[in-house]
Amino acid sequence: MASKFRIENNELVIYVSGSLTFHQHQEGEQLVHQVSALLDKSEIKNVRMNFADVLRMDSHWLGVLIRILRRVKEKNADFIIEKPNNDISRLFDMVELNRITEIRA
């Protein structure tokens, strides 16, 4: 799992890649802390998480994603998930994630 950040015009874009599984739980914890720190330091109004390079994702990482979403909402910012593959889209559909955040194909 790898992640990159870009901040521009009050928008934080998070690029994640690889397999997001329990085996990368430490990286998940680090990602939550990094995003929280960036939200605390900046006037971010929009957070986009790009899944274009994510191969697969398990329920542990769904929890990581929800924790990030919760922090974003606490800061009154919008959260958008971008470009999940078909398998990840099905996972998001099963848990009805689209009811609480925008998901863009």
PDB file of N, CA and C in Angstrom:
ATOM      1  N   MET A   1       0.846  -1.174   0.000  1.00  0.00           N
ATOM      2  CA  MET A   1       0.000   0.000   0.000  1.00  0.00           C
ATOM      3  C   MET A   1       0.888   1.231   0.000  1.00  0.00           C
ATOM      4  N   ALA A   2       0.531   2.151  -0.834  1.00  0.00           N
ATOM      5  CA  ALA A   2       1.245   3.427  -0.889  1.00  0.00           C
ATOM      6  C   ALA A   2       0.210   4.544  -0.937  1.00  0.00           C
ATOM      7  N   SER A   3       0.591   5.700  -0.433  1.00  0.00           N
ATOM      8  CA  SER A   3      -0.310   6.848  -0.493  1.00  0.00           C
ATOM      9  C   SER A   3       0.490   8.109  -0.778  1.00  0.00           C
ATOM     10  N   LYS A   4      -0.152   9.017  -1.503  1.00  0.00           N
ATOM     11  CA  LYS A   4       0.418  10.333  -1.798  1.00  0.00           C
ATOM     12  C   LYS A   4      -0.669  11.362  -1.539  1.00  0.00           C
ATOM     13  N   PHE A   5      -0.241  12.562  -1.198  1.00  0.00           N
ATOM     14  CA  PHE A   5      -1.165  13.649  -0.912  1.00  0.00           C
ATOM     15  C   PHE A   5      -0.854  14.835  -1.813  1.00  0.00           C
ATOM     16  N   ARG A   6      -1.919  15.569  -2.134  1.00  0.00           N
ATOM     17  CA  ARG A   6      -1.756  16.831  -2.856  1.00  0.00           C
ATOM     18  C   ARG A   6      -2.781  17.794  -2.271  1.00  0.00           C
ATOM     19  N   ILE A   7      -2.327  18.978  -1.905  1.00  0.00           N
ATOM     20  CA  ILE A   7      -3.230  20.017  -1.398  1.00  0.00           C
ATOM     21  C   ILE A   7      -3.173  21.188  -2.361  1.00  0.00           C
ATOM     22  N   GLU A   8      -4.352  21.627  -2.793  1.00  0.00           N
ATOM     23  CA  GLU A   8      -4.433  22.732  -3.735  1.00  0.00           C
ATOM     24  C   GLU A   8      -5.794  23.406  -3.588  1.00  0.00           C
ATOM     25  N   ASN A   9      -5.793  24.705  -3.393  1.00  0.00           N
ATOM     26  CA  ASN A   9      -7.043  25.474  -3.312  1.00  0.00           C
ATOM     27  C   ASN A   9      -8.036  24.882  -2.319  1.00  0.00           C
ATOM     28  N   ASN A  10      -7.598  24.661  -1.092  1.00  0.00           N
ATOM     29  CA  ASN A  10      -8.458  24.125  -0.028  1.00  0.00           C
ATOM     30  C   ASN A  10      -9.005  22.731  -0.328  1.00  0.00           C
ATOM     31  N   GLU A  11      -8.302  21.985  -1.159  1.00  0.00           N
ATOM     32  CA  GLU A  11      -8.720  20.622  -1.487  1.00  0.00           C
ATOM     33  C   GLU A  11      -7.549  19.673  -1.220  1.00  0.00           C
ATOM     34  N   LEU A  12      -7.841  18.580  -0.532  1.00  0.00           N
ATOM     35  CA  LEU A  12      -6.862  17.539  -0.286  1.00  0.00           C
ATOM     36  C   LEU A  12      -7.218  16.352  -1.164  1.00  0.00           C
ATOM     37  N   VAL A  13      -6.249  15.912  -1.969  1.00  0.00           N
ATOM     38  CA  VAL A  13      -6.447  14.719  -2.787  1.00  0.00           C
ATOM     39  C   VAL A  13      -5.507  13.646  -2.253  1.00  0.00           C
ATOM     40  N   ILE A  14      -6.076  12.478  -1.964  1.00  0.00           N
ATOM     41  CA  ILE A  14      -5.312  11.349  -1.440  1.00  0.00           C
ATOM     42  C   ILE A  14      -5.303  10.269  -2.514  1.00  0.00           C
ATOM     43  N   TYR A  15      -4.124   9.885  -2.932  1.00  0.00           N
ATOM     44  CA  TYR A  15      -3.971   8.811  -3.910  1.00  0.00           C
ATOM     45  C   TYR A  15      -3.489   7.572  -3.163  1.00  0.00           C
ATOM     46  N   VAL A  16      -4.274   6.506  -3.205  1.00  0.00           N
ATOM     47  CA  VAL A  16      -3.869   5.251  -2.580  1.00  0.00           C
ATOM     48  C   VAL A  16      -3.669   4.214  -3.671  1.00  0.00           C
ATOM     49  N   SER A  17      -2.788   3.251  -3.411  1.00  0.00           N
ATOM     50  CA  SER A  17      -2.524   2.230  -4.424  1.00  0.00           C
ATOM     51  C   SER A  17      -2.161   0.910  -3.761  1.00  0.00           C
ATOM     52  N   GLY A  18      -2.277  -0.162  -4.545  1.00  0.00           N
ATOM     53  CA  GLY A  18      -1.917  -1.490  -4.067  1.00  0.00           C
ATOM     54  C   GLY A  18      -3.103  -2.228  -3.486  1.00  0.00           C
ATOM     55  N   SER A  19      -2.813  -3.191  -2.634  1.00  0.00           N
ATOM     56  CA  SER A  19      -3.844  -3.977  -1.956  1.00  0.00           C
ATOM     57  C   SER A  19      -4.056  -3.418  -0.565  1.00  0.00           C
ATOM     58  N   LEU A  20      -5.283  -3.084  -0.250  1.00  0.00           N
ATOM     59  CA  LEU A  20      -5.634  -2.529   1.057  1.00  0.00           C
ATOM     60  C   LEU A  20      -6.251  -3.648   1.881  1.00  0.00           C
ATOM     61  N   THR A  21      -5.402  -4.359   2.620  1.00  0.00           N
ATOM     62  CA  THR A  21      -5.858  -5.490   3.423  1.00  0.00           C
ATOM     63  C   THR A  21      -5.359  -5.329   4.852  1.00  0.00           C
ATOM     64  N   PHE A  22      -5.807  -6.228   5.716  1.00  0.00           N
ATOM     65  CA  PHE A  22      -5.410  -6.184   7.116  1.00  0.00           C
ATOM     66  C   PHE A  22      -3.891  -6.221   7.275  1.00  0.00           C
ATOM     67  N   HIS A  23      -3.199  -6.831   6.344  1.00  0.00           N
ATOM     68  CA  HIS A  23      -1.740  -6.909   6.419  1.00  0.00           C
ATOM     69  C   HIS A  23      -1.106  -5.521   6.365  1.00  0.00           C
ATOM     70  N   GLN A  24      -1.828  -4.542   5.871  1.00  0.00           N
ATOM     71  CA  GLN A  24      -1.338  -3.160   5.834  1.00  0.00           C
ATOM     72  C   GLN A  24      -2.026  -2.307   6.905  1.00  0.00           C
ATOM     73  N   HIS A  25      -2.380  -2.925   8.036  1.00  0.00           N
ATOM     74  CA  HIS A  25      -3.115  -2.177   9.060  1.00  0.00           C
ATOM     75  C   HIS A  25      -2.309  -1.013   9.625  1.00  0.00           C
ATOM     76  N   GLN A  26      -0.998  -1.152   9.726  1.00  0.00           N
ATOM     77  CA  GLN A  26      -0.194  -0.033  10.233  1.00  0.00           C
ATOM     78  C   GLN A  26      -0.231   1.145   9.275  1.00  0.00           C
ATOM     79  N   GLU A  27      -0.190   0.856   7.989  1.00  0.00           N
ATOM     80  CA  GLU A  27      -0.292   1.920   6.996  1.00  0.00           C
ATOM     81  C   GLU A  27      -1.650   2.609   7.075  1.00  0.00           C
ATOM     82  N   GLY A  28      -2.686   1.834   7.361  1.00  0.00           N
ATOM     83  CA  GLY A  28      -4.020   2.411   7.528  1.00  0.00           C
ATOM     84  C   GLY A  28      -4.078   3.366   8.699  1.00  0.00           C
ATOM     85  N   GLU A  29      -3.480   2.966   9.820  1.00  0.00           N
ATOM     86  CA  GLU A  29      -3.437   3.839  10.992  1.00  0.00           C
ATOM     87  C   GLU A  29      -2.655   5.109  10.684  1.00  0.00           C
ATOM     88  N   GLN A  30      -1.535   4.962   9.988  1.00  0.00           N
ATOM     89  CA  GLN A  30      -0.738   6.128   9.613  1.00  0.00           C
ATOM     90  C   GLN A  30      -1.535   7.060   8.710  1.00  0.00           C
ATOM     91  N   LEU A  31      -2.287   6.487   7.777  1.00  0.00           N
ATOM     92  CA  LEU A  31      -3.078   7.311   6.861  1.00  0.00           C
ATOM     93  C   LEU A  31      -4.129   8.111   7.622  1.00  0.00           C
ATOM     94  N   VAL A  32      -4.811   7.472   8.560  1.00  0.00           N
ATOM     95  CA  VAL A  32      -5.815   8.189   9.371  1.00  0.00           C
ATOM     96  C   VAL A  32      -5.149   9.353  10.112  1.00  0.00           C
ATOM     97  N   HIS A  33      -3.991   9.112  10.716  1.00  0.00           N
ATOM     98  CA  HIS A  33      -3.299  10.172  11.466  1.00  0.00           C
ATOM     99  C   HIS A  33      -2.802  11.279  10.546  1.00  0.00           C
ATOM    100  N   GLN A  34      -2.284  10.921   9.372  1.00  0.00           N
ATOM    101  CA  GLN A  34      -1.801  11.934   8.427  1.00  0.00           C
ATOM    102  C   GLN A  34      -2.943  12.819   7.944  1.00  0.00           C
ATOM    103  N   VAL A  35      -4.062  12.195   7.587  1.00  0.00           N
ATOM    104  CA  VAL A  35      -5.207  12.973   7.116  1.00  0.00           C
ATOM    105  C   VAL A  35      -5.730  13.866   8.239  1.00  0.00           C
ATOM    106  N   SER A  36      -5.809  13.330   9.448  1.00  0.00           N
ATOM    107  CA  SER A  36      -6.265  14.133  10.588  1.00  0.00           C
ATOM    108  C   SER A  36      -5.365  15.347  10.809  1.00  0.00           C
ATOM    109  N   ALA A  37      -4.059  15.137  10.732  1.00  0.00           N
ATOM    110  CA  ALA A  37      -3.111  16.240  10.925  1.00  0.00           C
ATOM    111  C   ALA A  37      -3.270  17.291   9.831  1.00  0.00           C
ATOM    112  N   LEU A  38      -3.430  16.861   8.597  1.00  0.00           N
ATOM    113  CA  LEU A  38      -3.615  17.810   7.495  1.00  0.00           C
ATOM    114  C   LEU A  38      -4.917  18.589   7.656  1.00  0.00           C
ATOM    115  N   LEU A  39      -5.976  17.915   8.103  1.00  0.00           N
ATOM    116  CA  LEU A  39      -7.249  18.597   8.318  1.00  0.00           C
ATOM    117  C   LEU A  39      -7.140  19.623   9.447  1.00  0.00           C
ATOM    118  N   ASP A  40      -6.359  19.298  10.466  1.00  0.00           N
ATOM    119  CA  ASP A  40      -6.198  20.213  11.602  1.00  0.00           C
ATOM    120  C   ASP A  40      -5.356  21.432  11.244  1.00  0.00           C
ATOM    121  N   LYS A  41      -4.409  21.278  10.317  1.00  0.00           N
ATOM    122  CA  LYS A  41      -3.488  22.367   9.970  1.00  0.00           C
ATOM    123  C   LYS A  41      -4.005  23.276   8.865  1.00  0.00           C
ATOM    124  N   SER A  42      -4.921  22.804   8.060  1.00  0.00           N
ATOM    125  CA  SER A  42      -5.314  23.541   6.855  1.00  0.00           C
ATOM    126  C   SER A  42      -6.807  23.842   6.855  1.00  0.00           C
ATOM    127  N   GLU A  43      -7.177  24.765   6.001  1.00  0.00           N
ATOM    128  CA  GLU A  43      -8.592  25.102   5.794  1.00  0.00           C
ATOM    129  C   GLU A  43      -9.131  24.275   4.630  1.00  0.00           C
ATOM    130  N   ILE A  44      -9.120  22.974   4.779  1.00  0.00           N
ATOM    131  CA  ILE A  44      -9.547  22.072   3.707  1.00  0.00           C
ATOM    132  C   ILE A  44     -11.069  21.974   3.711  1.00  0.00           C
ATOM    133  N   LYS A  45     -11.651  22.181   2.536  1.00  0.00           N
ATOM    134  CA  LYS A  45     -13.101  22.118   2.375  1.00  0.00           C
ATOM    135  C   LYS A  45     -13.555  20.903   1.576  1.00  0.00           C
ATOM    136  N   ASN A  46     -12.601  20.239   0.918  1.00  0.00           N
ATOM    137  CA  ASN A  46     -12.943  19.126   0.048  1.00  0.00           C
ATOM    138  C   ASN A  46     -11.827  18.087   0.129  1.00  0.00           C
ATOM    139  N   VAL A  47     -12.192  16.826   0.351  1.00  0.00           N
ATOM    140  CA  VAL A  47     -11.221  15.736   0.366  1.00  0.00           C
ATOM    141  C   VAL A  47     -11.659  14.711  -0.662  1.00  0.00           C
ATOM    142  N   ARG A  48     -10.738  14.406  -1.588  1.00  0.00           N
ATOM    143  CA  ARG A  48     -11.004  13.374  -2.595  1.00  0.00           C
ATOM    144  C   ARG A  48     -10.025  12.238  -2.369  1.00  0.00           C
ATOM    145  N   MET A  49     -10.534  11.020  -2.345  1.00  0.00           N
ATOM    146  CA  MET A  49      -9.688   9.847  -2.192  1.00  0.00           C
ATOM    147  C   MET A  49      -9.762   9.051  -3.478  1.00  0.00           C
ATOM    148  N   ASN A  50      -8.621   8.961  -4.173  1.00  0.00           N
ATOM    149  CA  ASN A  50      -8.559   8.351  -5.488  1.00  0.00           C
ATOM    150  C   ASN A  50      -8.144   6.884  -5.363  1.00  0.00           C
ATOM    151  N   PHE A  51      -9.011   5.987  -5.846  1.00  0.00           N
ATOM    152  CA  PHE A  51      -8.799   4.546  -5.769  1.00  0.00           C
ATOM    153  C   PHE A  51      -8.374   3.940  -7.105  1.00  0.00           C
ATOM    154  N   ALA A  52      -7.970   4.743  -8.078  1.00  0.00           N
ATOM    155  CA  ALA A  52      -7.666   4.245  -9.423  1.00  0.00           C
ATOM    156  C   ALA A  52      -6.618   3.140  -9.419  1.00  0.00           C
ATOM    157  N   ASP A  53      -5.670   3.191  -8.502  1.00  0.00           N
ATOM    158  CA  ASP A  53      -4.584   2.206  -8.476  1.00  0.00           C
ATOM    159  C   ASP A  53      -4.704   1.197  -7.335  1.00  0.00           C
ATOM    160  N   VAL A  54      -5.900   1.064  -6.771  1.00  0.00           N
ATOM    161  CA  VAL A  54      -6.119   0.083  -5.703  1.00  0.00           C
ATOM    162  C   VAL A  54      -6.601  -1.220  -6.335  1.00  0.00           C
ATOM    163  N   LEU A  55      -5.915  -2.298  -6.010  1.00  0.00           N
ATOM    164  CA  LEU A  55      -6.246  -3.602  -6.581  1.00  0.00           C
ATOM    165  C   LEU A  55      -7.393  -4.287  -5.848  1.00  0.00           C
ATOM    166  N   ARG A  56      -7.360  -4.226  -4.519  1.00  0.00           N
ATOM    167  CA  ARG A  56      -8.417  -4.838  -3.709  1.00  0.00           C
ATOM    168  C   ARG A  56      -8.449  -4.167  -2.344  1.00  0.00           C
ATOM    169  N   MET A  57      -9.552  -4.408  -1.639  1.00  0.00           N
ATOM    170  CA  MET A  57      -9.746  -3.765  -0.348  1.00  0.00           C
ATOM    171  C   MET A  57     -10.583  -4.689   0.517  1.00  0.00           C
ATOM    172  N   ASP A  58     -10.220  -4.842   1.793  1.00  0.00           N
ATOM    173  CA  ASP A  58     -11.001  -5.695   2.687  1.00  0.00           C
ATOM    174  C   ASP A  58     -11.760  -4.858   3.718  1.00  0.00           C
ATOM    175  N   SER A  59     -12.462  -5.543   4.609  1.00  0.00           N
ATOM    176  CA  SER A  59     -13.311  -4.855   5.583  1.00  0.00           C
ATOM    177  C   SER A  59     -12.503  -4.018   6.568  1.00  0.00           C
ATOM    178  N   HIS A  60     -11.284  -4.420   6.862  1.00  0.00           N
ATOM    179  CA  HIS A  60     -10.447  -3.599   7.749  1.00  0.00           C
ATOM    180  C   HIS A  60     -10.263  -2.207   7.148  1.00  0.00           C
ATOM    181  N   TRP A  61      -9.965  -2.166   5.868  1.00  0.00           N
ATOM    182  CA  TRP A  61      -9.749  -0.885   5.212  1.00  0.00           C
ATOM    183  C   TRP A  61     -11.057  -0.126   5.014  1.00  0.00           C
ATOM    184  N   LEU A  62     -12.163  -0.823   4.973  1.00  0.00           N
ATOM    185  CA  LEU A  62     -13.445  -0.125   4.960  1.00  0.00           C
ATOM    186  C   LEU A  62     -13.580   0.670   6.260  1.00  0.00           C
ATOM    187  N   GLY A  63     -13.143   0.071   7.371  1.00  0.00           N
ATOM    188  CA  GLY A  63     -13.138   0.784   8.648  1.00  0.00           C
ATOM    189  C   GLY A  63     -12.209   1.984   8.637  1.00  0.00           C
ATOM    190  N   VAL A  64     -11.033   1.834   8.029  1.00  0.00           N
ATOM    191  CA  VAL A  64     -10.100   2.963   7.896  1.00  0.00           C
ATOM    192  C   VAL A  64     -10.767   4.086   7.109  1.00  0.00           C
ATOM    193  N   LEU A  65     -11.404   3.721   6.020  1.00  0.00           N
ATOM    194  CA  LEU A  65     -12.082   4.702   5.176  1.00  0.00           C
ATOM    195  C   LEU A  65     -13.182   5.433   5.950  1.00  0.00           C
ATOM    196  N   ILE A  66     -13.946   4.712   6.741  1.00  0.00           N
ATOM    197  CA  ILE A  66     -15.016   5.324   7.541  1.00  0.00           C
ATOM    198  C   ILE A  66     -14.422   6.275   8.584  1.00  0.00           C
ATOM    199  N   ARG A  67     -13.305   5.905   9.182  1.00  0.00           N
ATOM    200  CA  ARG A  67     -12.662   6.795  10.161  1.00  0.00           C
ATOM    201  C   ARG A  67     -12.201   8.092   9.500  1.00  0.00           C
ATOM    202  N   ILE A  68     -11.646   7.981   8.302  1.00  0.00           N
ATOM    203  CA  ILE A  68     -11.239   9.184   7.573  1.00  0.00           C
ATOM    204  C   ILE A  68     -12.466  10.021   7.227  1.00  0.00           C
ATOM    205  N   LEU A  69     -13.497   9.377   6.730  1.00  0.00           N
ATOM    206  CA  LEU A  69     -14.749  10.067   6.392  1.00  0.00           C
ATOM    207  C   LEU A  69     -15.304  10.806   7.610  1.00  0.00           C
ATOM    208  N   ARG A  70     -15.293  10.176   8.745  1.00  0.00           N
ATOM    209  CA  ARG A  70     -15.804  10.795   9.973  1.00  0.00           C
ATOM    210  C   ARG A  70     -14.998  12.045  10.328  1.00  0.00           C
ATOM    211  N   ARG A  71     -13.658  11.962  10.222  1.00  0.00           N
ATOM    212  CA  ARG A  71     -12.810  13.134  10.512  1.00  0.00           C
ATOM    213  C   ARG A  71     -13.082  14.276   9.539  1.00  0.00           C
ATOM    214  N   VAL A  72     -13.263  13.928   8.262  1.00  0.00           N
ATOM    215  CA  VAL A  72     -13.551  14.947   7.250  1.00  0.00           C
ATOM    216  C   VAL A  72     -14.870  15.641   7.581  1.00  0.00           C
ATOM    217  N   LYS A  73     -15.892  14.865   7.920  1.00  0.00           N
ATOM    218  CA  LYS A  73     -17.204  15.444   8.239  1.00  0.00           C
ATOM    219  C   LYS A  73     -17.145  16.298   9.506  1.00  0.00           C
ATOM    220  N   GLU A  74     -16.308  15.896  10.483  1.00  0.00           N
ATOM    221  CA  GLU A  74     -16.138  16.706  11.695  1.00  0.00           C
ATOM    222  C   GLU A  74     -15.598  18.092  11.373  1.00  0.00           C
ATOM    223  N   LYS A  75     -14.827  18.194  10.319  1.00  0.00           N
ATOM    224  CA  LYS A  75     -14.255  19.472   9.886  1.00  0.00           C
ATOM    225  C   LYS A  75     -15.161  20.190   8.881  1.00  0.00           C
ATOM    226  N   ASN A  76     -16.379  19.696   8.707  1.00  0.00           N
ATOM    227  CA  ASN A  76     -17.364  20.281   7.797  1.00  0.00           C
ATOM    228  C   ASN A  76     -16.850  20.354   6.359  1.00  0.00           C
ATOM    229  N   ALA A  77     -16.091  19.364   5.969  1.00  0.00           N
ATOM    230  CA  ALA A  77     -15.588  19.280   4.601  1.00  0.00           C
ATOM    231  C   ALA A  77     -16.351  18.180   3.863  1.00  0.00           C
ATOM    232  N   ASP A  78     -16.278  18.211   2.555  1.00  0.00           N
ATOM    233  CA  ASP A  78     -16.905  17.187   1.722  1.00  0.00           C
ATOM    234  C   ASP A  78     -15.899  16.078   1.447  1.00  0.00           C
ATOM    235  N   PHE A  79     -16.400  14.842   1.350  1.00  0.00           N
ATOM    236  CA  PHE A  79     -15.560  13.685   1.085  1.00  0.00           C
ATOM    237  C   PHE A  79     -16.062  12.989  -0.166  1.00  0.00           C
ATOM    238  N   ILE A  80     -15.149  12.720  -1.089  1.00  0.00           N
ATOM    239  CA  ILE A  80     -15.507  12.101  -2.361  1.00  0.00           C
ATOM    240  C   ILE A  80     -14.547  10.941  -2.614  1.00  0.00           C
ATOM    241  N   ILE A  81     -15.096   9.809  -2.994  1.00  0.00           N
ATOM    242  CA  ILE A  81     -14.293   8.652  -3.388  1.00  0.00           C
ATOM    243  C   ILE A  81     -14.301   8.603  -4.904  1.00  0.00           C
ATOM    244  N   GLU A  82     -13.112   8.454  -5.491  1.00  0.00           N
ATOM    245  CA  GLU A  82     -12.992   8.475  -6.946  1.00  0.00           C
ATOM    246  C   GLU A  82     -12.399   7.172  -7.484  1.00  0.00           C
ATOM    247  N   LYS A  83     -12.928   6.740  -8.611  1.00  0.00           N
ATOM    248  CA  LYS A  83     -12.376   5.688  -9.457  1.00  0.00           C
ATOM    249  C   LYS A  83     -12.142   4.333  -8.796  1.00  0.00           C
ATOM    250  N   PRO A  84     -13.098   3.847  -7.979  1.00  0.00           N
ATOM    251  CA  PRO A  84     -12.910   2.485  -7.462  1.00  0.00           C
ATOM    252  C   PRO A  84     -13.137   1.467  -8.587  1.00  0.00           C
ATOM    253  N   ASN A  85     -12.398   0.348  -8.531  1.00  0.00           N
ATOM    254  CA  ASN A  85     -12.626  -0.693  -9.542  1.00  0.00           C
ATOM    255  C   ASN A  85     -13.952  -1.409  -9.265  1.00  0.00           C
ATOM    256  N   ASN A  86     -14.317  -2.341 -10.112  1.00  0.00           N
ATOM    257  CA  ASN A  86     -15.624  -3.015  -9.997  1.00  0.00           C
ATOM    258  C   ASN A  86     -15.787  -3.760  -8.677  1.00  0.00           C
ATOM    259  N   ASP A  87     -14.751  -4.471  -8.230  1.00  0.00           N
ATOM    260  CA  ASP A  87     -14.851  -5.214  -6.972  1.00  0.00           C
ATOM    261  C   ASP A  87     -15.037  -4.280  -5.783  1.00  0.00           C
ATOM    262  N   ILE A  88     -14.284  -3.211  -5.757  1.00  0.00           N
ATOM    263  CA  ILE A  88     -14.407  -2.255  -4.658  1.00  0.00           C
ATOM    264  C   ILE A  88     -15.747  -1.531  -4.732  1.00  0.00           C
ATOM    265  N   SER A  89     -16.204  -1.230  -5.936  1.00  0.00           N
ATOM    266  CA  SER A  89     -17.527  -0.604  -6.096  1.00  0.00           C
ATOM    267  C   SER A  89     -18.622  -1.500  -5.533  1.00  0.00           C
ATOM    268  N   ARG A  90     -18.504  -2.805  -5.755  1.00  0.00           N
ATOM    269  CA  ARG A  90     -19.501  -3.745  -5.210  1.00  0.00           C
ATOM    270  C   ARG A  90     -19.475  -3.739  -3.683  1.00  0.00           C
ATOM    271  N   LEU A  91     -18.277  -3.686  -3.103  1.00  0.00           N
ATOM    272  CA  LEU A  91     -18.171  -3.598  -1.644  1.00  0.00           C
ATOM    273  C   LEU A  91     -18.859  -2.330  -1.140  1.00  0.00           C
ATOM    274  N   PHE A  92     -18.600  -1.205  -1.795  1.00  0.00           N
ATOM    275  CA  PHE A  92     -19.236   0.052  -1.401  1.00  0.00           C
ATOM    276  C   PHE A  92     -20.751  -0.022  -1.559  1.00  0.00           C
ATOM    277  N   ASP A  93     -21.223  -0.698  -2.616  1.00  0.00           N
ATOM    278  CA  ASP A  93     -22.665  -0.868  -2.814  1.00  0.00           C
ATOM    279  C   ASP A  93     -23.281  -1.716  -1.697  1.00  0.00           C
ATOM    280  N   MET A  94     -22.583  -2.789  -1.313  1.00  0.00           N
ATOM    281  CA  MET A  94     -23.109  -3.679  -0.266  1.00  0.00           C
ATOM    282  C   MET A  94     -23.316  -2.948   1.050  1.00  0.00           C
ATOM    283  N   VAL A  95     -22.411  -2.053   1.382  1.00  0.00           N
ATOM    284  CA  VAL A  95     -22.517  -1.334   2.661  1.00  0.00           C
ATOM    285  C   VAL A  95     -23.209   0.015   2.498  1.00  0.00           C
ATOM    286  N   GLU A  96     -23.697   0.275   1.285  1.00  0.00           N
ATOM    287  CA  GLU A  96     -24.435   1.501   0.970  1.00  0.00           C
ATOM    288  C   GLU A  96     -23.643   2.757   1.339  1.00  0.00           C
ATOM    289  N   LEU A  97     -22.366   2.741   1.020  1.00  0.00           N
ATOM    290  CA  LEU A  97     -21.505   3.883   1.313  1.00  0.00           C
ATOM    291  C   LEU A  97     -21.957   5.139   0.576  1.00  0.00           C
ATOM    292  N   ASN A  98     -22.597   4.951  -0.569  1.00  0.00           N
ATOM    293  CA  ASN A  98     -23.073   6.100  -1.348  1.00  0.00           C
ATOM    294  C   ASN A  98     -24.161   6.887  -0.604  1.00  0.00           C
ATOM    295  N   ARG A  99     -24.702   6.347   0.459  1.00  0.00           N
ATOM    296  CA  ARG A  99     -25.701   7.086   1.243  1.00  0.00           C
ATOM    297  C   ARG A  99     -25.055   8.163   2.114  1.00  0.00           C
ATOM    298  N   ILE A 100     -23.749   8.031   2.381  1.00  0.00           N
ATOM    299  CA  ILE A 100     -23.096   9.005   3.257  1.00  0.00           C
ATOM    300  C   ILE A 100     -21.995   9.802   2.579  1.00  0.00           C
ATOM    301  N   THR A 101     -21.600   9.394   1.374  1.00  0.00           N
ATOM    302  CA  THR A 101     -20.573  10.152   0.655  1.00  0.00           C
ATOM    303  C   THR A 101     -20.735   9.934  -0.847  1.00  0.00           C
ATOM    304  N   GLU A 102     -20.175  10.837  -1.600  1.00  0.00           N
ATOM    305  CA  GLU A 102     -20.231  10.745  -3.065  1.00  0.00           C
ATOM    306  C   GLU A 102     -19.165   9.781  -3.563  1.00  0.00           C
ATOM    307  N   ILE A 103     -19.566   8.920  -4.509  1.00  0.00           N
ATOM    308  CA  ILE A 103     -18.628   7.997  -5.139  1.00  0.00           C
ATOM    309  C   ILE A 103     -18.681   8.262  -6.640  1.00  0.00           C
ATOM    310  N   ARG A 104     -17.517   8.600  -7.197  1.00  0.00           N
ATOM    311  CA  ARG A 104     -17.424   8.897  -8.628  1.00  0.00           C
ATOM    312  C   ARG A 104     -16.689   7.771  -9.353  1.00  0.00           C
ATOM    313  N   ALA A 105     -17.268   7.324 -10.450  1.00  0.00           N
ATOM    314  CA  ALA A 105     -16.652   6.246 -11.233  1.00  0.00           C
ATOM    315  C   ALA A 105     -15.402   6.700 -11.946  1.00  0.00           C
TER     316      ALA A 105
END
